[in-house]
């Protein structure tokens, strides 16, 4: 499988698609990426979603799963599969537990967001998937003061949320020292702190 750039002749915009091993676009991914193009999502967003969905389709092929019949447990296995180095993902090479994860938690969360959006699109278009990537929480379960628009209408109904979200470490901001600033000025990057 591979991700391929696509030039739209009528609008001169670029988009992306995912080609299967037979060099034919993967139809459910193609429809979703075309939808993202139609609603004018950024080409970079569409490209990232294409790569994320390609990885998911590779996982499904390795596990011999149909994308419409995936369970929440399979998504958990997908997360573990993403953390493996590429050489260990096909199951032919044993990976020691001491090996660092191949991708970070924030990357996995981005891939899960792409999957959640893909599956939400499929449900809106009549594909029956059950409650694959959502779980139901009881009403009033929010601990913050923020309330969504029209909260008074939907406050007694359960609200969907993603079931799998990895905890990401918080990054501390870099401290600008005189030495660091002088090095950037010498390197020609003087404008980076003004933006």
N, C-alpha and C. Protein backbone atom coordinates (compact mmCIF):
# COMPACT_ATOMS: atom_id res chain seq x y z
N UNK A 1 0.84 -1.18 0.00
CA UNK A 1 0.00 0.00 0.00
C UNK A 1 0.88 1.24 0.00
N UNK A 2 0.34 2.28 -0.61
CA UNK A 2 1.10 3.52 -0.62
C UNK A 2 0.17 4.71 -0.73
N UNK A 3 0.66 5.86 -0.29
CA UNK A 3 -0.08 7.12 -0.39
C UNK A 3 0.40 7.83 -1.64
N UNK A 4 -0.54 8.34 -2.42
CA UNK A 4 -0.23 8.98 -3.70
C UNK A 4 -0.87 10.36 -3.75
N UNK A 5 -0.10 11.34 -4.17
CA UNK A 5 -0.63 12.67 -4.40
C UNK A 5 -1.50 12.69 -5.64
N UNK A 6 -2.54 13.52 -5.63
CA UNK A 6 -3.47 13.61 -6.75
C UNK A 6 -3.65 15.07 -7.10
N UNK A 7 -3.53 15.41 -8.38
CA UNK A 7 -3.79 16.77 -8.85
C UNK A 7 -5.20 16.82 -9.41
N UNK A 8 -5.99 17.77 -8.92
CA UNK A 8 -7.36 17.93 -9.39
C UNK A 8 -7.35 18.86 -10.60
N UNK A 9 -7.66 18.36 -11.80
CA UNK A 9 -7.54 19.19 -13.00
C UNK A 9 -8.51 20.36 -13.05
N UNK A 10 -9.72 20.20 -12.54
CA UNK A 10 -10.71 21.27 -12.63
C UNK A 10 -10.39 22.43 -11.69
N UNK A 11 -9.97 22.13 -10.47
CA UNK A 11 -9.75 23.18 -9.49
C UNK A 11 -8.28 23.51 -9.26
N UNK A 12 -7.39 22.73 -9.83
CA UNK A 12 -5.94 22.91 -9.68
C UNK A 12 -5.48 22.75 -8.23
N UNK A 13 -6.28 22.07 -7.43
CA UNK A 13 -5.89 21.80 -6.06
C UNK A 13 -5.30 20.41 -5.99
N UNK A 14 -4.47 20.20 -4.97
CA UNK A 14 -3.90 18.87 -4.79
C UNK A 14 -4.61 18.16 -3.67
N UNK A 15 -4.61 16.85 -3.75
CA UNK A 15 -5.20 16.02 -2.71
C UNK A 15 -4.36 14.75 -2.62
N UNK A 16 -4.83 13.79 -1.84
CA UNK A 16 -4.09 12.56 -1.61
C UNK A 16 -5.04 11.38 -1.64
N UNK A 17 -4.51 10.23 -1.98
CA UNK A 17 -5.28 9.00 -1.96
C UNK A 17 -4.40 7.87 -1.47
N UNK A 18 -5.02 6.76 -1.13
CA UNK A 18 -4.29 5.57 -0.69
C UNK A 18 -4.54 4.48 -1.73
N UNK A 19 -3.45 3.96 -2.28
CA UNK A 19 -3.54 2.90 -3.28
C UNK A 19 -3.24 1.57 -2.63
N UNK A 20 -4.03 0.56 -2.99
CA UNK A 20 -3.80 -0.79 -2.48
C UNK A 20 -2.63 -1.44 -3.19
N UNK A 21 -2.35 -2.69 -2.86
CA UNK A 21 -1.25 -3.42 -3.50
C UNK A 21 -1.49 -3.62 -4.99
N UNK A 22 -2.74 -3.50 -5.43
CA UNK A 22 -3.08 -3.63 -6.85
C UNK A 22 -3.08 -2.28 -7.57
N UNK A 23 -2.58 -1.22 -6.91
CA UNK A 23 -2.52 0.15 -7.44
C UNK A 23 -3.89 0.75 -7.75
N UNK A 24 -4.93 0.25 -7.10
CA UNK A 24 -6.28 0.80 -7.22
C UNK A 24 -6.59 1.50 -5.90
N UNK A 25 -7.20 2.71 -5.94
CA UNK A 25 -7.52 3.40 -4.69
C UNK A 25 -8.40 2.55 -3.78
N UNK A 26 -8.11 2.58 -2.49
CA UNK A 26 -8.93 1.89 -1.50
C UNK A 26 -10.22 2.69 -1.36
N UNK A 27 -11.33 2.11 -1.78
CA UNK A 27 -12.57 2.83 -1.99
C UNK A 27 -13.10 3.57 -0.75
N UNK A 28 -13.19 2.97 0.45
CA UNK A 28 -13.71 3.75 1.58
C UNK A 28 -12.79 4.93 1.96
N UNK A 29 -11.50 4.73 1.85
CA UNK A 29 -10.56 5.82 2.15
C UNK A 29 -10.67 6.89 1.07
N UNK A 30 -10.79 6.47 -0.17
CA UNK A 30 -10.90 7.41 -1.29
C UNK A 30 -12.10 8.33 -1.12
N UNK A 31 -13.26 7.75 -0.76
CA UNK A 31 -14.46 8.56 -0.56
C UNK A 31 -14.28 9.56 0.57
N UNK A 32 -13.65 9.10 1.66
CA UNK A 32 -13.46 9.99 2.81
C UNK A 32 -12.48 11.12 2.48
N UNK A 33 -11.38 10.80 1.83
CA UNK A 33 -10.41 11.84 1.47
C UNK A 33 -10.99 12.81 0.44
N UNK A 34 -11.83 12.31 -0.46
CA UNK A 34 -12.51 13.19 -1.42
C UNK A 34 -13.45 14.14 -0.68
N UNK A 35 -14.13 13.62 0.34
CA UNK A 35 -15.00 14.47 1.16
C UNK A 35 -14.18 15.57 1.83
N UNK A 36 -13.02 15.21 2.40
CA UNK A 36 -12.18 16.22 3.04
C UNK A 36 -11.72 17.28 2.05
N UNK A 37 -11.43 16.86 0.81
CA UNK A 37 -11.05 17.81 -0.23
C UNK A 37 -12.23 18.71 -0.57
N UNK A 38 -13.43 18.13 -0.67
CA UNK A 38 -14.62 18.90 -1.02
C UNK A 38 -14.94 19.96 0.02
N UNK A 39 -14.69 19.68 1.29
CA UNK A 39 -14.98 20.68 2.33
C UNK A 39 -13.76 21.56 2.61
N UNK A 40 -12.80 21.49 1.70
CA UNK A 40 -11.63 22.37 1.67
C UNK A 40 -10.74 22.26 2.91
N UNK A 41 -10.51 21.03 3.34
CA UNK A 41 -9.51 20.83 4.38
C UNK A 41 -8.13 21.06 3.77
N UNK A 42 -7.18 21.39 4.60
CA UNK A 42 -5.83 21.66 4.14
C UNK A 42 -5.24 20.42 3.47
N UNK A 43 -4.49 20.59 2.36
CA UNK A 43 -3.82 19.44 1.75
C UNK A 43 -2.90 18.72 2.74
N UNK A 44 -2.31 19.45 3.68
CA UNK A 44 -1.46 18.80 4.68
C UNK A 44 -2.27 17.92 5.62
N UNK A 45 -3.47 18.35 5.98
CA UNK A 45 -4.36 17.54 6.81
C UNK A 45 -4.77 16.29 6.06
N UNK A 46 -5.13 16.45 4.80
CA UNK A 46 -5.56 15.30 4.00
C UNK A 46 -4.40 14.32 3.83
N UNK A 47 -3.21 14.84 3.63
CA UNK A 47 -2.03 13.98 3.50
C UNK A 47 -1.78 13.20 4.79
N UNK A 48 -1.87 13.87 5.94
CA UNK A 48 -1.66 13.20 7.23
C UNK A 48 -2.72 12.12 7.44
N UNK A 49 -3.99 12.42 7.12
CA UNK A 49 -5.06 11.42 7.26
C UNK A 49 -4.83 10.25 6.31
N UNK A 50 -4.33 10.53 5.11
CA UNK A 50 -4.06 9.45 4.16
C UNK A 50 -3.01 8.50 4.72
N UNK A 51 -1.92 9.04 5.27
CA UNK A 51 -0.89 8.18 5.85
C UNK A 51 -1.41 7.43 7.07
N UNK A 52 -2.23 8.10 7.89
CA UNK A 52 -2.78 7.44 9.07
C UNK A 52 -3.70 6.29 8.67
N UNK A 53 -4.54 6.51 7.68
CA UNK A 53 -5.46 5.46 7.24
C UNK A 53 -4.72 4.34 6.50
N UNK A 54 -3.65 4.69 5.81
CA UNK A 54 -2.83 3.64 5.18
C UNK A 54 -2.25 2.72 6.24
N UNK A 55 -1.69 3.30 7.30
CA UNK A 55 -1.16 2.48 8.39
C UNK A 55 -2.23 1.57 8.97
N UNK A 56 -3.43 2.10 9.13
CA UNK A 56 -4.53 1.31 9.68
C UNK A 56 -4.89 0.16 8.74
N UNK A 57 -4.92 0.43 7.44
CA UNK A 57 -5.27 -0.62 6.47
C UNK A 57 -4.18 -1.70 6.42
N UNK A 58 -2.93 -1.30 6.59
CA UNK A 58 -1.84 -2.30 6.65
C UNK A 58 -2.04 -3.18 7.88
N UNK A 59 -2.37 -2.57 9.02
CA UNK A 59 -2.65 -3.35 10.23
C UNK A 59 -3.80 -4.32 10.00
N UNK A 60 -4.88 -3.85 9.38
CA UNK A 60 -6.02 -4.71 9.11
C UNK A 60 -5.64 -5.88 8.21
N UNK A 61 -4.78 -5.63 7.22
CA UNK A 61 -4.34 -6.70 6.31
C UNK A 61 -3.50 -7.73 7.05
N UNK A 62 -2.60 -7.26 7.91
CA UNK A 62 -1.75 -8.18 8.68
C UNK A 62 -2.61 -9.06 9.58
N UNK A 63 -3.64 -8.49 10.19
CA UNK A 63 -4.51 -9.22 11.12
C UNK A 63 -5.69 -9.89 10.42
N UNK A 64 -5.82 -9.69 9.11
CA UNK A 64 -6.92 -10.24 8.31
C UNK A 64 -8.29 -9.82 8.88
N UNK A 65 -8.43 -8.52 9.10
CA UNK A 65 -9.66 -7.95 9.64
C UNK A 65 -10.35 -7.11 8.58
N UNK A 66 -11.68 -7.08 8.63
CA UNK A 66 -12.47 -6.19 7.79
C UNK A 66 -12.71 -4.90 8.56
N UNK A 67 -12.56 -3.76 7.91
CA UNK A 67 -12.67 -2.48 8.61
C UNK A 67 -14.05 -2.24 9.19
N UNK A 68 -15.08 -2.90 8.65
CA UNK A 68 -16.44 -2.72 9.15
C UNK A 68 -16.74 -3.60 10.36
N UNK A 69 -15.88 -4.57 10.67
CA UNK A 69 -16.14 -5.51 11.75
C UNK A 69 -15.12 -5.41 12.89
N UNK A 70 -14.40 -4.33 12.94
CA UNK A 70 -13.37 -4.14 13.97
C UNK A 70 -14.04 -3.86 15.30
N UNK A 71 -13.48 -4.45 16.35
CA UNK A 71 -13.96 -4.21 17.72
C UNK A 71 -12.99 -3.27 18.42
N UNK A 72 -13.42 -2.78 19.57
CA UNK A 72 -12.58 -1.87 20.34
C UNK A 72 -11.27 -2.54 20.75
N UNK A 73 -11.30 -3.83 21.02
CA UNK A 73 -10.08 -4.57 21.37
C UNK A 73 -9.08 -4.56 20.22
N UNK A 74 -9.59 -4.61 18.99
CA UNK A 74 -8.70 -4.55 17.82
C UNK A 74 -8.00 -3.20 17.72
N UNK A 75 -8.71 -2.13 18.10
CA UNK A 75 -8.10 -0.80 18.09
C UNK A 75 -6.99 -0.75 19.13
N UNK A 76 -7.20 -1.40 20.28
CA UNK A 76 -6.14 -1.49 21.28
C UNK A 76 -4.91 -2.21 20.75
N UNK A 77 -5.14 -3.28 19.99
CA UNK A 77 -4.02 -4.00 19.37
C UNK A 77 -3.34 -3.13 18.32
N UNK A 78 -4.12 -2.29 17.63
CA UNK A 78 -3.55 -1.37 16.64
C UNK A 78 -2.59 -0.39 17.32
N UNK A 79 -2.97 0.10 18.49
CA UNK A 79 -2.10 1.02 19.23
C UNK A 79 -0.79 0.31 19.57
N UNK A 80 -0.88 -0.93 20.06
CA UNK A 80 0.34 -1.69 20.39
C UNK A 80 1.16 -1.95 19.13
N UNK A 81 0.51 -2.22 18.01
CA UNK A 81 1.18 -2.48 16.73
C UNK A 81 1.93 -1.23 16.26
N UNK A 82 1.32 -0.05 16.45
CA UNK A 82 1.98 1.20 16.04
C UNK A 82 3.26 1.43 16.82
N UNK A 83 3.31 1.00 18.06
CA UNK A 83 4.49 1.22 18.89
C UNK A 83 5.66 0.32 18.49
N UNK A 84 5.38 -0.74 17.74
CA UNK A 84 6.45 -1.63 17.29
C UNK A 84 7.27 -0.97 16.19
N UNK A 85 8.56 -1.31 16.10
CA UNK A 85 9.32 -0.82 14.94
C UNK A 85 8.77 -1.47 13.67
N UNK A 86 8.90 -0.80 12.52
CA UNK A 86 8.33 -1.34 11.27
C UNK A 86 8.77 -2.76 10.96
N UNK A 87 9.99 -3.13 11.32
CA UNK A 87 10.44 -4.50 11.02
C UNK A 87 9.75 -5.54 11.89
N UNK A 88 9.17 -5.14 13.00
CA UNK A 88 8.50 -6.09 13.88
C UNK A 88 7.00 -6.14 13.72
N UNK A 89 6.45 -5.33 12.85
CA UNK A 89 5.00 -5.24 12.73
C UNK A 89 4.37 -6.42 12.00
N UNK A 90 5.13 -7.13 11.18
CA UNK A 90 4.53 -8.25 10.46
C UNK A 90 4.55 -9.55 11.27
N UNK A 91 5.14 -9.51 12.46
CA UNK A 91 5.15 -10.68 13.32
C UNK A 91 6.28 -11.65 13.04
N UNK A 92 7.14 -11.35 12.06
CA UNK A 92 8.24 -12.24 11.70
C UNK A 92 9.46 -12.05 12.58
N UNK A 93 9.59 -10.87 13.20
CA UNK A 93 10.74 -10.55 14.04
C UNK A 93 10.22 -10.29 15.46
N UNK A 94 10.83 -10.93 16.43
CA UNK A 94 10.45 -10.70 17.82
C UNK A 94 11.02 -9.36 18.29
N UNK A 95 10.21 -8.62 19.02
CA UNK A 95 10.62 -7.32 19.54
C UNK A 95 10.72 -7.43 21.06
N UNK A 96 11.88 -7.07 21.59
CA UNK A 96 12.08 -7.13 23.03
C UNK A 96 11.28 -6.04 23.73
N UNK A 97 10.81 -6.30 24.94
CA UNK A 97 10.05 -5.28 25.67
C UNK A 97 10.86 -4.03 25.98
N UNK A 98 12.18 -4.14 25.98
CA UNK A 98 13.01 -2.98 26.31
C UNK A 98 13.16 -2.00 25.15
N UNK A 99 12.67 -2.35 23.96
CA UNK A 99 12.77 -1.48 22.80
C UNK A 99 11.83 -0.29 22.98
N UNK A 100 12.35 0.91 22.72
CA UNK A 100 11.55 2.13 22.83
C UNK A 100 10.41 2.10 21.81
N UNK A 101 9.24 2.68 22.15
CA UNK A 101 8.14 2.75 21.18
C UNK A 101 8.57 3.49 19.92
N UNK A 102 8.08 3.00 18.77
CA UNK A 102 8.46 3.60 17.49
C UNK A 102 7.82 4.97 17.28
N UNK A 103 6.59 5.16 17.78
CA UNK A 103 5.91 6.44 17.65
C UNK A 103 5.50 6.94 19.03
N UNK A 104 5.34 8.25 19.14
CA UNK A 104 5.00 8.85 20.43
C UNK A 104 3.50 8.75 20.69
N UNK A 105 3.12 9.01 21.92
CA UNK A 105 1.71 8.99 22.30
C UNK A 105 0.92 10.04 21.53
N UNK A 106 1.50 11.21 21.29
CA UNK A 106 0.78 12.25 20.55
C UNK A 106 0.54 11.84 19.10
N UNK A 107 1.49 11.12 18.50
CA UNK A 107 1.28 10.63 17.14
C UNK A 107 0.18 9.59 17.11
N UNK A 108 0.16 8.70 18.09
CA UNK A 108 -0.90 7.69 18.15
C UNK A 108 -2.25 8.36 18.35
N UNK A 109 -2.32 9.37 19.20
CA UNK A 109 -3.58 10.09 19.40
C UNK A 109 -4.05 10.76 18.12
N UNK A 110 -3.10 11.29 17.32
CA UNK A 110 -3.48 11.89 16.04
C UNK A 110 -4.04 10.83 15.10
N UNK A 111 -3.40 9.66 15.06
CA UNK A 111 -3.89 8.57 14.22
C UNK A 111 -5.26 8.09 14.68
N UNK A 112 -5.48 8.04 15.99
CA UNK A 112 -6.79 7.64 16.51
C UNK A 112 -7.85 8.69 16.19
N UNK A 113 -7.47 9.96 16.19
CA UNK A 113 -8.41 11.02 15.80
C UNK A 113 -8.80 10.88 14.34
N UNK A 114 -7.82 10.56 13.49
CA UNK A 114 -8.12 10.33 12.08
C UNK A 114 -9.07 9.15 11.91
N UNK A 115 -8.84 8.09 12.67
CA UNK A 115 -9.73 6.92 12.62
C UNK A 115 -11.13 7.26 13.09
N UNK A 116 -11.22 8.01 14.20
CA UNK A 116 -12.52 8.39 14.74
C UNK A 116 -13.29 9.22 13.72
N UNK A 117 -12.62 10.16 13.06
CA UNK A 117 -13.27 11.00 12.05
C UNK A 117 -13.69 10.15 10.85
N UNK A 118 -12.84 9.21 10.43
CA UNK A 118 -13.16 8.32 9.32
C UNK A 118 -14.40 7.49 9.64
N UNK A 119 -14.43 6.89 10.83
CA UNK A 119 -15.57 6.06 11.21
C UNK A 119 -16.84 6.90 11.42
N UNK A 120 -16.72 8.11 11.94
CA UNK A 120 -17.89 8.99 12.08
C UNK A 120 -18.47 9.31 10.70
N UNK A 121 -17.60 9.56 9.73
CA UNK A 121 -18.05 9.81 8.36
C UNK A 121 -18.79 8.59 7.82
N UNK A 122 -18.25 7.40 8.05
CA UNK A 122 -18.88 6.18 7.54
C UNK A 122 -20.25 5.96 8.17
N UNK A 123 -20.38 6.22 9.48
CA UNK A 123 -21.67 6.06 10.16
C UNK A 123 -22.69 7.04 9.58
N UNK A 124 -22.27 8.29 9.32
CA UNK A 124 -23.19 9.27 8.73
C UNK A 124 -23.66 8.85 7.35
N UNK A 125 -22.91 8.00 6.69
CA UNK A 125 -23.28 7.54 5.35
C UNK A 125 -23.85 6.13 5.34
N UNK A 126 -24.36 5.69 6.49
CA UNK A 126 -25.14 4.46 6.53
C UNK A 126 -24.40 3.17 6.84
N UNK A 127 -23.10 3.22 7.11
CA UNK A 127 -22.37 2.00 7.44
C UNK A 127 -22.61 1.68 8.91
N UNK A 128 -23.08 0.47 9.21
CA UNK A 128 -23.37 0.08 10.58
C UNK A 128 -22.09 -0.42 11.24
N UNK A 129 -21.62 0.33 12.24
CA UNK A 129 -20.37 -0.01 12.92
C UNK A 129 -20.57 -0.21 14.42
N UNK A 130 -21.77 -0.09 14.91
CA UNK A 130 -21.99 -0.18 16.35
C UNK A 130 -21.38 1.03 17.04
N UNK A 131 -20.80 0.81 18.20
CA UNK A 131 -20.16 1.88 18.95
C UNK A 131 -18.66 1.66 18.99
N UNK A 132 -18.05 1.57 17.83
CA UNK A 132 -16.65 1.17 17.74
C UNK A 132 -15.71 2.09 18.51
N UNK A 133 -15.64 3.35 18.16
CA UNK A 133 -14.66 4.24 18.78
C UNK A 133 -15.27 5.20 19.78
N UNK A 134 -16.50 4.98 20.14
CA UNK A 134 -17.10 5.86 21.14
C UNK A 134 -17.60 5.03 22.30
N UNK A 135 -17.64 5.63 23.42
CA UNK A 135 -18.24 5.01 24.59
C UNK A 135 -19.20 6.03 25.17
N UNK A 136 -20.13 5.60 25.95
CA UNK A 136 -21.14 6.52 26.47
C UNK A 136 -20.86 6.81 27.92
N UNK A 137 -20.89 8.07 28.24
CA UNK A 137 -20.70 8.48 29.62
C UNK A 137 -22.03 9.01 30.14
N UNK A 138 -22.30 8.88 31.43
CA UNK A 138 -23.57 9.36 31.95
C UNK A 138 -23.68 10.87 31.85
N UNK A 139 -24.90 11.40 31.78
CA UNK A 139 -25.05 12.85 31.72
C UNK A 139 -24.49 13.51 32.96
N UNK A 140 -23.97 14.72 32.79
CA UNK A 140 -23.41 15.46 33.91
C UNK A 140 -22.03 15.01 34.32
N UNK A 141 -21.34 14.23 33.50
CA UNK A 141 -20.03 13.71 33.84
C UNK A 141 -18.89 14.68 33.61
N UNK A 142 -19.17 15.88 33.12
CA UNK A 142 -18.11 16.86 32.86
C UNK A 142 -17.69 17.53 34.15
N UNK A 143 -16.41 17.71 34.36
CA UNK A 143 -15.92 18.35 35.57
C UNK A 143 -15.56 19.82 35.33
N UNK A 144 -15.60 20.27 34.11
CA UNK A 144 -15.26 21.66 33.84
C UNK A 144 -16.53 22.50 33.78
N UNK A 145 -16.38 23.79 33.75
CA UNK A 145 -17.52 24.69 33.67
C UNK A 145 -18.00 24.91 32.24
N UNK A 146 -17.25 24.41 31.25
CA UNK A 146 -17.62 24.60 29.85
C UNK A 146 -18.83 23.76 29.50
N UNK A 147 -19.78 24.37 28.79
CA UNK A 147 -20.95 23.65 28.34
C UNK A 147 -21.11 23.93 26.84
N UNK A 148 -21.43 22.90 26.06
CA UNK A 148 -21.57 23.10 24.61
C UNK A 148 -22.81 23.92 24.28
N UNK A 149 -22.83 24.44 23.06
CA UNK A 149 -23.98 25.18 22.56
C UNK A 149 -25.22 24.30 22.63
N UNK A 150 -26.34 24.84 23.02
CA UNK A 150 -27.61 24.12 23.17
C UNK A 150 -27.52 23.01 24.23
N UNK A 151 -26.70 23.24 25.25
CA UNK A 151 -26.54 22.27 26.34
C UNK A 151 -27.87 21.96 27.01
N UNK A 152 -28.73 22.96 27.13
CA UNK A 152 -30.01 22.78 27.82
C UNK A 152 -30.91 21.76 27.12
N UNK A 153 -30.68 21.53 25.83
CA UNK A 153 -31.49 20.56 25.09
C UNK A 153 -30.94 19.15 25.24
N UNK A 154 -29.61 19.01 25.25
CA UNK A 154 -29.00 17.68 25.24
C UNK A 154 -28.38 17.26 26.57
N UNK A 155 -28.59 18.02 27.65
CA UNK A 155 -27.89 17.71 28.89
C UNK A 155 -28.31 16.40 29.53
N UNK A 156 -29.50 15.89 29.24
CA UNK A 156 -29.93 14.64 29.85
C UNK A 156 -29.59 13.42 29.01
N UNK A 157 -28.97 13.61 27.86
CA UNK A 157 -28.62 12.50 26.97
C UNK A 157 -27.14 12.17 27.10
N UNK A 158 -26.77 10.89 26.93
CA UNK A 158 -25.35 10.55 26.98
C UNK A 158 -24.59 11.21 25.84
N UNK A 159 -23.34 11.57 26.09
CA UNK A 159 -22.51 12.25 25.11
C UNK A 159 -21.41 11.32 24.66
N UNK A 160 -21.14 11.23 23.33
CA UNK A 160 -20.06 10.36 22.85
C UNK A 160 -18.69 10.98 23.13
N UNK A 161 -17.72 10.12 23.32
CA UNK A 161 -16.33 10.55 23.44
C UNK A 161 -15.45 9.39 22.98
N UNK A 162 -14.23 9.71 22.60
CA UNK A 162 -13.31 8.66 22.18
C UNK A 162 -12.97 7.77 23.35
N UNK A 163 -12.95 6.47 23.13
CA UNK A 163 -12.69 5.52 24.20
C UNK A 163 -11.20 5.37 24.48
N UNK A 164 -10.36 5.53 23.48
CA UNK A 164 -8.93 5.31 23.65
C UNK A 164 -8.20 6.62 23.41
N UNK A 165 -7.57 7.14 24.43
CA UNK A 165 -6.74 8.33 24.34
C UNK A 165 -5.51 8.07 25.19
N UNK A 166 -4.34 8.20 24.61
CA UNK A 166 -3.11 7.98 25.36
C UNK A 166 -2.69 9.26 26.07
N UNK A 167 -2.11 9.09 27.23
CA UNK A 167 -1.61 10.23 27.99
C UNK A 167 -0.30 10.69 27.36
N UNK A 168 -0.20 11.98 27.10
CA UNK A 168 1.02 12.52 26.50
C UNK A 168 1.76 13.35 27.53
N UNK A 169 3.08 13.25 27.53
CA UNK A 169 3.85 14.06 28.48
C UNK A 169 3.79 15.54 28.09
N UNK A 170 3.74 16.39 29.09
CA UNK A 170 3.73 17.82 28.80
C UNK A 170 5.15 18.27 28.51
N UNK A 171 5.29 19.09 27.50
CA UNK A 171 6.61 19.59 27.13
C UNK A 171 6.83 20.94 27.79
N UNK A 172 8.00 21.10 28.35
CA UNK A 172 8.36 22.38 28.93
C UNK A 172 8.88 23.30 27.84
N UNK A 173 8.58 24.58 27.94
CA UNK A 173 9.07 25.51 26.92
C UNK A 173 10.58 25.66 27.00
N UNK A 174 11.19 25.91 25.84
CA UNK A 174 12.64 26.15 25.81
C UNK A 174 12.93 27.54 26.35
N UNK A 175 14.01 27.64 27.07
CA UNK A 175 14.42 28.93 27.63
C UNK A 175 15.40 29.59 26.67
N UNK A 176 15.13 30.84 26.34
CA UNK A 176 16.00 31.58 25.45
C UNK A 176 17.14 32.19 26.26
N UNK A 177 18.32 31.71 26.03
CA UNK A 177 19.50 32.26 26.70
C UNK A 177 20.23 33.18 25.74
N UNK A 178 21.13 33.97 26.26
CA UNK A 178 21.91 34.88 25.43
C UNK A 178 22.74 34.09 24.41
N UNK A 179 23.34 32.98 24.85
CA UNK A 179 24.16 32.16 23.96
C UNK A 179 23.31 31.58 22.84
N UNK A 180 22.12 31.07 23.16
CA UNK A 180 21.23 30.51 22.15
C UNK A 180 20.81 31.58 21.15
N UNK A 181 20.47 32.77 21.64
CA UNK A 181 20.07 33.86 20.76
C UNK A 181 21.20 34.27 19.83
N UNK A 182 22.43 34.37 20.37
CA UNK A 182 23.58 34.73 19.54
C UNK A 182 23.84 33.68 18.48
N UNK A 183 23.71 32.41 18.82
CA UNK A 183 23.91 31.33 17.83
C UNK A 183 22.89 31.41 16.71
N UNK A 184 21.64 31.70 17.04
CA UNK A 184 20.61 31.82 16.01
C UNK A 184 20.84 33.05 15.13
N UNK A 185 21.31 34.12 15.71
CA UNK A 185 21.59 35.33 14.92
C UNK A 185 22.73 35.04 13.95
N UNK A 186 23.79 34.38 14.44
CA UNK A 186 24.92 34.04 13.56
C UNK A 186 24.48 33.09 12.44
N UNK A 187 23.53 32.20 12.75
CA UNK A 187 23.08 31.23 11.74
C UNK A 187 22.07 31.83 10.78
N UNK A 188 21.66 33.07 11.00
CA UNK A 188 20.72 33.70 10.07
C UNK A 188 19.27 33.48 10.44
N UNK A 189 18.99 33.03 11.66
CA UNK A 189 17.63 32.78 12.10
C UNK A 189 17.15 33.85 13.05
N UNK A 190 17.51 35.09 12.83
CA UNK A 190 17.20 36.17 13.77
C UNK A 190 15.70 36.41 13.89
N UNK A 191 14.94 36.16 12.84
CA UNK A 191 13.53 36.52 12.86
C UNK A 191 12.64 35.49 13.57
N UNK A 192 13.20 34.36 13.98
CA UNK A 192 12.35 33.30 14.55
C UNK A 192 11.70 33.71 15.85
N UNK A 193 12.28 34.61 16.63
CA UNK A 193 11.66 34.96 17.90
C UNK A 193 10.68 36.13 17.77
N UNK A 194 10.66 36.80 16.61
CA UNK A 194 9.73 37.91 16.42
C UNK A 194 8.37 37.45 15.91
N UNK A 195 8.26 36.22 15.43
CA UNK A 195 6.98 35.78 14.87
C UNK A 195 6.05 35.25 15.91
